[in-house]
Amino acid sequence: IRMQASKGLISVTNNIQRNAIVDNSTGKGLANLAERYRLLSGDNVQIQDDGVTFSVAFKTLKNEYRHY
């Protein structure tokens, strides 16, 4: 896993390692994260999957202590 902060973005990248056995999962985790981030920031999470690596990037929030 590689985590990087640069130019106001935080990104997390990982090599894709497909599981031979699929765990019971709702498959909603990434969608939930993206929706919560969109509600807080008004921006979208950037998701990339090139078949070799998978990455998620998002802008850092400037007013993280602000109450909505």
PDB file of N, CA and C in Angstrom:
ATOM      1  N   ILE A   1       0.857  -1.175   0.000  1.00  0.00           N
ATOM      2  CA  ILE A   1       0.000   0.000   0.000  1.00  0.00           C
ATOM      3  C   ILE A   1       0.898   1.232   0.000  1.00  0.00           C
ATOM      4  N   ARG A   2       0.555   2.187  -0.850  1.00  0.00           N
ATOM      5  CA  ARG A   2       1.295   3.449  -0.900  1.00  0.00           C
ATOM      6  C   ARG A   2       0.313   4.581  -0.609  1.00  0.00           C
ATOM      7  N   MET A   3       0.662   5.419   0.351  1.00  0.00           N
ATOM      8  CA  MET A   3      -0.138   6.594   0.692  1.00  0.00           C
ATOM      9  C   MET A   3       0.708   7.819   0.385  1.00  0.00           C
ATOM     10  N   GLN A   4       0.066   8.832  -0.215  1.00  0.00           N
ATOM     11  CA  GLN A   4       0.811  10.013  -0.629  1.00  0.00           C
ATOM     12  C   GLN A   4      -0.063  11.252  -0.457  1.00  0.00           C
ATOM     13  N   ALA A   5       0.545  12.325   0.023  1.00  0.00           N
ATOM     14  CA  ALA A   5      -0.118  13.624   0.104  1.00  0.00           C
ATOM     15  C   ALA A   5       0.669  14.592  -0.756  1.00  0.00           C
ATOM     16  N   SER A   6      -0.016  15.218  -1.705  1.00  0.00           N
ATOM     17  CA  SER A   6       0.664  16.132  -2.608  1.00  0.00           C
ATOM     18  C   SER A   6      -0.342  17.103  -3.221  1.00  0.00           C
ATOM     19  N   LYS A   7      -0.017  18.370  -3.206  1.00  0.00           N
ATOM     20  CA  LYS A   7      -0.813  19.413  -3.846  1.00  0.00           C
ATOM     21  C   LYS A   7      -2.277  19.375  -3.413  1.00  0.00           C
ATOM     22  N   GLY A   8      -2.499  19.188  -2.126  1.00  0.00           N
ATOM     23  CA  GLY A   8      -3.843  19.218  -1.590  1.00  0.00           C
ATOM     24  C   GLY A   8      -4.648  17.949  -1.806  1.00  0.00           C
ATOM     25  N   LEU A   9      -3.999  16.886  -2.278  1.00  0.00           N
ATOM     26  CA  LEU A   9      -4.664  15.604  -2.487  1.00  0.00           C
ATOM     27  C   LEU A   9      -4.026  14.531  -1.618  1.00  0.00           C
ATOM     28  N   ILE A  10      -4.843  13.625  -1.126  1.00  0.00           N
ATOM     29  CA  ILE A  10      -4.356  12.431  -0.450  1.00  0.00           C
ATOM     30  C   ILE A  10      -4.734  11.254  -1.326  1.00  0.00           C
ATOM     31  N   SER A  11      -3.770  10.384  -1.617  1.00  0.00           N
ATOM     32  CA  SER A  11      -4.081   9.213  -2.427  1.00  0.00           C
ATOM     33  C   SER A  11      -3.572   7.946  -1.746  1.00  0.00           C
ATOM     34  N   VAL A  12      -4.323   6.881  -1.933  1.00  0.00           N
ATOM     35  CA  VAL A  12      -3.969   5.562  -1.425  1.00  0.00           C
ATOM     36  C   VAL A  12      -3.998   4.612  -2.608  1.00  0.00           C
ATOM     37  N   THR A  13      -2.879   3.921  -2.838  1.00  0.00           N
ATOM     38  CA  THR A  13      -2.751   3.019  -3.980  1.00  0.00           C
ATOM     39  C   THR A  13      -2.306   1.652  -3.489  1.00  0.00           C
ATOM     40  N   ASN A  14      -2.862   0.622  -4.105  1.00  0.00           N
ATOM     41  CA  ASN A  14      -2.544  -0.750  -3.718  1.00  0.00           C
ATOM     42  C   ASN A  14      -2.496  -1.612  -4.962  1.00  0.00           C
ATOM     43  N   ASN A  15      -1.594  -2.604  -4.962  1.00  0.00           N
ATOM     44  CA  ASN A  15      -1.586  -3.586  -6.039  1.00  0.00           C
ATOM     45  C   ASN A  15      -2.854  -4.421  -5.938  1.00  0.00           C
ATOM     46  N   ILE A  16      -3.452  -4.720  -7.065  1.00  0.00           N
ATOM     47  CA  ILE A  16      -4.659  -5.538  -7.063  1.00  0.00           C
ATOM     48  C   ILE A  16      -4.260  -6.984  -6.828  1.00  0.00           C
ATOM     49  N   GLN A  17      -4.878  -7.584  -5.833  1.00  0.00           N
ATOM     50  CA  GLN A  17      -4.644  -8.986  -5.494  1.00  0.00           C
ATOM     51  C   GLN A  17      -6.008  -9.644  -5.348  1.00  0.00           C
ATOM     52  N   ARG A  18      -6.466 -10.261  -6.407  1.00  0.00           N
ATOM     53  CA  ARG A  18      -7.794 -10.887  -6.401  1.00  0.00           C
ATOM     54  C   ARG A  18      -7.794 -12.086  -5.468  1.00  0.00           C
ATOM     55  N   ASN A  19      -8.860 -12.208  -4.676  1.00  0.00           N
ATOM     56  CA  ASN A  19      -9.016 -13.345  -3.776  1.00  0.00           C
ATOM     57  C   ASN A  19      -9.616 -14.521  -4.526  1.00  0.00           C
ATOM     58  N   ALA A  20      -9.095 -15.704  -4.274  1.00  0.00           N
ATOM     59  CA  ALA A  20      -9.654 -16.906  -4.876  1.00  0.00           C
ATOM     60  C   ALA A  20     -11.017 -17.204  -4.265  1.00  0.00           C
ATOM     61  N   ILE A  21     -11.170 -16.874  -2.986  1.00  0.00           N
ATOM     62  CA  ILE A  21     -12.428 -17.092  -2.281  1.00  0.00           C
ATOM     63  C   ILE A  21     -13.041 -15.722  -1.991  1.00  0.00           C
ATOM     64  N   VAL A  22     -14.269 -15.543  -2.414  1.00  0.00           N
ATOM     65  CA  VAL A  22     -14.947 -14.266  -2.204  1.00  0.00           C
ATOM     66  C   VAL A  22     -15.635 -14.291  -0.847  1.00  0.00           C
ATOM     67  N   ASP A  23     -15.273 -13.337   0.013  1.00  0.00           N
ATOM     68  CA  ASP A  23     -15.913 -13.207   1.326  1.00  0.00           C
ATOM     69  C   ASP A  23     -17.322 -12.653   1.150  1.00  0.00           C
ATOM     70  N   ASN A  24     -18.175 -12.917   2.126  1.00  0.00           N
ATOM     71  CA  ASN A  24     -19.499 -12.306   2.124  1.00  0.00           C
ATOM     72  C   ASN A  24     -19.336 -10.823   2.391  1.00  0.00           C
ATOM     73  N   SER A  25     -19.714 -10.018   1.430  1.00  0.00           N
ATOM     74  CA  SER A  25     -19.573  -8.574   1.538  1.00  0.00           C
ATOM     75  C   SER A  25     -20.756  -7.920   0.838  1.00  0.00           C
ATOM     76  N   THR A  26     -21.159  -6.786   1.365  1.00  0.00           N
ATOM     77  CA  THR A  26     -22.235  -6.044   0.714  1.00  0.00           C
ATOM     78  C   THR A  26     -21.717  -5.265  -0.488  1.00  0.00           C
ATOM     79  N   GLY A  27     -20.373  -5.039  -0.544  1.00  0.00           N
ATOM     80  CA  GLY A  27     -19.802  -4.289  -1.652  1.00  0.00           C
ATOM     81  C   GLY A  27     -20.135  -2.807  -1.603  1.00  0.00           C
ATOM     82  N   LYS A  28     -20.529  -2.307  -0.454  1.00  0.00           N
ATOM     83  CA  LYS A  28     -20.968  -0.914  -0.328  1.00  0.00           C
ATOM     84  C   LYS A  28     -19.923   0.001   0.304  1.00  0.00           C
ATOM     85  N   GLY A  29     -18.800  -0.529   0.775  1.00  0.00           N
ATOM     86  CA  GLY A  29     -17.823   0.267   1.513  1.00  0.00           C
ATOM     87  C   GLY A  29     -17.285   1.452   0.748  1.00  0.00           C
ATOM     88  N   LEU A  30     -16.830   1.241  -0.480  1.00  0.00           N
ATOM     89  CA  LEU A  30     -16.261   2.326  -1.274  1.00  0.00           C
ATOM     90  C   LEU A  30     -17.335   3.335  -1.670  1.00  0.00           C
ATOM     91  N   ALA A  31     -18.511   2.850  -2.030  1.00  0.00           N
ATOM     92  CA  ALA A  31     -19.611   3.753  -2.378  1.00  0.00           C
ATOM     93  C   ALA A  31     -20.020   4.591  -1.171  1.00  0.00           C
ATOM     94  N   ASN A  32     -20.014   3.990   0.021  1.00  0.00           N
ATOM     95  CA  ASN A  32     -20.350   4.702   1.248  1.00  0.00           C
ATOM     96  C   ASN A  32     -19.320   5.795   1.525  1.00  0.00           C
ATOM     97  N   LEU A  33     -18.050   5.464   1.402  1.00  0.00           N
ATOM     98  CA  LEU A  33     -16.979   6.445   1.597  1.00  0.00           C
ATOM     99  C   LEU A  33     -17.123   7.605   0.614  1.00  0.00           C
ATOM    100  N   ALA A  34     -17.342   7.296  -0.650  1.00  0.00           N
ATOM    101  CA  ALA A  34     -17.464   8.331  -1.676  1.00  0.00           C
ATOM    102  C   ALA A  34     -18.657   9.248  -1.407  1.00  0.00           C
ATOM    103  N   GLU A  35     -19.782   8.676  -0.994  1.00  0.00           N
ATOM    104  CA  GLU A  35     -20.973   9.482  -0.725  1.00  0.00           C
ATOM    105  C   GLU A  35     -20.787  10.363   0.507  1.00  0.00           C
ATOM    106  N   ARG A  36     -20.199   9.832   1.558  1.00  0.00           N
ATOM    107  CA  ARG A  36     -19.955  10.637   2.766  1.00  0.00           C
ATOM    108  C   ARG A  36     -18.993  11.789   2.475  1.00  0.00           C
ATOM    109  N   TYR A  37     -17.947  11.509   1.697  1.00  0.00           N
ATOM    110  CA  TYR A  37     -16.991  12.559   1.341  1.00  0.00           C
ATOM    111  C   TYR A  37     -17.687  13.630   0.502  1.00  0.00           C
ATOM    112  N   ARG A  38     -18.514  13.217  -0.450  1.00  0.00           N
ATOM    113  CA  ARG A  38     -19.235  14.170  -1.295  1.00  0.00           C
ATOM    114  C   ARG A  38     -20.156  15.056  -0.458  1.00  0.00           C
ATOM    115  N   LEU A  39     -20.830  14.473   0.519  1.00  0.00           N
ATOM    116  CA  LEU A  39     -21.722  15.255   1.375  1.00  0.00           C
ATOM    117  C   LEU A  39     -20.952  16.271   2.219  1.00  0.00           C
ATOM    118  N   LEU A  40     -19.773  15.908   2.701  1.00  0.00           N
ATOM    119  CA  LEU A  40     -18.976  16.816   3.530  1.00  0.00           C
ATOM    120  C   LEU A  40     -18.281  17.902   2.720  1.00  0.00           C
ATOM    121  N   SER A  41     -17.782  17.530   1.541  1.00  0.00           N
ATOM    122  CA  SER A  41     -16.915  18.451   0.806  1.00  0.00           C
ATOM    123  C   SER A  41     -17.544  19.045  -0.449  1.00  0.00           C
ATOM    124  N   GLY A  42     -18.531  18.351  -1.003  1.00  0.00           N
ATOM    125  CA  GLY A  42     -19.081  18.786  -2.289  1.00  0.00           C
ATOM    126  C   GLY A  42     -18.269  18.287  -3.464  1.00  0.00           C
ATOM    127  N   ASP A  43     -17.185  17.567  -3.196  1.00  0.00           N
ATOM    128  CA  ASP A  43     -16.313  17.025  -4.248  1.00  0.00           C
ATOM    129  C   ASP A  43     -16.460  15.510  -4.335  1.00  0.00           C
ATOM    130  N   ASN A  44     -15.984  14.963  -5.437  1.00  0.00           N
ATOM    131  CA  ASN A  44     -16.009  13.523  -5.624  1.00  0.00           C
ATOM    132  C   ASN A  44     -14.660  12.903  -5.292  1.00  0.00           C
ATOM    133  N   VAL A  45     -14.688  11.661  -4.872  1.00  0.00           N
ATOM    134  CA  VAL A  45     -13.486  10.861  -4.681  1.00  0.00           C
ATOM    135  C   VAL A  45     -13.048  10.385  -6.059  1.00  0.00           C
ATOM    136  N   GLN A  46     -11.750  10.410  -6.318  1.00  0.00           N
ATOM    137  CA  GLN A  46     -11.220   9.933  -7.600  1.00  0.00           C
ATOM    138  C   GLN A  46     -10.815   8.468  -7.439  1.00  0.00           C
ATOM    139  N   ILE A  47     -11.418   7.587  -8.218  1.00  0.00           N
ATOM    140  CA  ILE A  47     -11.152   6.160  -8.130  1.00  0.00           C
ATOM    141  C   ILE A  47     -10.576   5.702  -9.462  1.00  0.00           C
ATOM    142  N   GLN A  48      -9.440   4.989  -9.395  1.00  0.00           N
ATOM    143  CA  GLN A  48      -8.810   4.470 -10.605  1.00  0.00           C
ATOM    144  C   GLN A  48      -8.461   3.002 -10.417  1.00  0.00           C
ATOM    145  N   ASP A  49      -8.766   2.211 -11.431  1.00  0.00           N
ATOM    146  CA  ASP A  49      -8.450   0.785 -11.440  1.00  0.00           C
ATOM    147  C   ASP A  49      -7.934   0.457 -12.836  1.00  0.00           C
ATOM    148  N   ASP A  50      -6.626   0.256 -12.955  1.00  0.00           N
ATOM    149  CA  ASP A  50      -6.050  -0.042 -14.269  1.00  0.00           C
ATOM    150  C   ASP A  50      -5.815  -1.540 -14.476  1.00  0.00           C
ATOM    151  N   GLY A  51      -6.336  -2.347 -13.573  1.00  0.00           N
ATOM    152  CA  GLY A  51      -6.157  -3.790 -13.663  1.00  0.00           C
ATOM    153  C   GLY A  51      -4.927  -4.286 -12.928  1.00  0.00           C
ATOM    154  N   VAL A  52      -3.983  -3.398 -12.661  1.00  0.00           N
ATOM    155  CA  VAL A  52      -2.757  -3.738 -11.929  1.00  0.00           C
ATOM    156  C   VAL A  52      -2.760  -3.090 -10.556  1.00  0.00           C
ATOM    157  N   THR A  53      -3.163  -1.813 -10.510  1.00  0.00           N
ATOM    158  CA  THR A  53      -3.254  -1.089  -9.243  1.00  0.00           C
ATOM    159  C   THR A  53      -4.642  -0.471  -9.095  1.00  0.00           C
ATOM    160  N   PHE A  54      -5.011  -0.243  -7.853  1.00  0.00           N
ATOM    161  CA  PHE A  54      -6.282   0.393  -7.510  1.00  0.00           C
ATOM    162  C   PHE A  54      -5.946   1.580  -6.637  1.00  0.00           C
ATOM    163  N   SER A  55      -6.508   2.741  -6.942  1.00  0.00           N
ATOM    164  CA  SER A  55      -6.207   3.916  -6.128  1.00  0.00           C
ATOM    165  C   SER A  55      -7.448   4.751  -5.882  1.00  0.00           C
ATOM    166  N   VAL A  56      -7.434   5.410  -4.739  1.00  0.00           N
ATOM    167  CA  VAL A  56      -8.482   6.336  -4.339  1.00  0.00           C
ATOM    168  C   VAL A  56      -7.782   7.625  -3.927  1.00  0.00           C
ATOM    169  N   ALA A  57      -8.252   8.749  -4.454  1.00  0.00           N
ATOM    170  CA  ALA A  57      -7.657  10.043  -4.117  1.00  0.00           C
ATOM    171  C   ALA A  57      -8.771  11.032  -3.806  1.00  0.00           C
ATOM    172  N   PHE A  58      -8.478  11.957  -2.886  1.00  0.00           N
ATOM    173  CA  PHE A  58      -9.456  12.969  -2.522  1.00  0.00           C
ATOM    174  C   PHE A  58      -8.742  14.216  -2.045  1.00  0.00           C
ATOM    175  N   LYS A  59      -9.422  15.353  -2.211  1.00  0.00           N
ATOM    176  CA  LYS A  59      -8.875  16.624  -1.749  1.00  0.00           C
ATOM    177  C   LYS A  59      -8.933  16.667  -0.229  1.00  0.00           C
ATOM    178  N   THR A  60      -7.922  17.291   0.371  1.00  0.00           N
ATOM    179  CA  THR A  60      -7.955  17.479   1.823  1.00  0.00           C
ATOM    180  C   THR A  60      -8.988  18.564   2.150  1.00  0.00           C
ATOM    181  N   LEU A  61      -9.611  18.423   3.295  1.00  0.00           N
ATOM    182  CA  LEU A  61     -10.616  19.394   3.719  1.00  0.00           C
ATOM    183  C   LEU A  61      -9.949  20.486   4.537  1.00  0.00           C
ATOM    184  N   LYS A  62     -10.266  21.727   4.256  1.00  0.00           N
ATOM    185  CA  LYS A  62      -9.629  22.844   4.946  1.00  0.00           C
ATOM    186  C   LYS A  62     -10.277  23.162   6.282  1.00  0.00           C
ATOM    187  N   ASN A  63     -11.567  22.917   6.428  1.00  0.00           N
ATOM    188  CA  ASN A  63     -12.284  23.269   7.650  1.00  0.00           C
ATOM    189  C   ASN A  63     -12.797  22.012   8.323  1.00  0.00           C
ATOM    190  N   GLU A  64     -11.894  21.115   8.672  1.00  0.00           N
ATOM    191  CA  GLU A  64     -12.315  19.829   9.224  1.00  0.00           C
ATOM    192  C   GLU A  64     -12.986  19.931  10.589  1.00  0.00           C
ATOM    193  N   TYR A  65     -12.827  21.052  11.275  1.00  0.00           N
ATOM    194  CA  TYR A  65     -13.441  21.210  12.586  1.00  0.00           C
ATOM    195  C   TYR A  65     -14.737  22.025  12.513  1.00  0.00           C
ATOM    196  N   ARG A  66     -15.147  22.382  11.317  1.00  0.00           N
ATOM    197  CA  ARG A  66     -16.365  23.148  11.131  1.00  0.00           C
ATOM    198  C   ARG A  66     -17.581  22.244  11.307  1.00  0.00           C
ATOM    199  N   HIS A  67     -18.593  22.740  11.982  1.00  0.00           N
ATOM    200  CA  HIS A  67     -19.817  21.964  12.197  1.00  0.00           C
ATOM    201  C   HIS A  67     -20.805  22.298  11.076  1.00  0.00           C
ATOM    202  N   TYR A  68     -21.399  21.266  10.492  1.00  0.00           N
ATOM    203  CA  TYR A  68     -22.338  21.459   9.385  1.00  0.00           C
ATOM    204  C   TYR A  68     -23.752  21.385   9.872  1.00  0.00           C
TER     205      TYR A  68
END
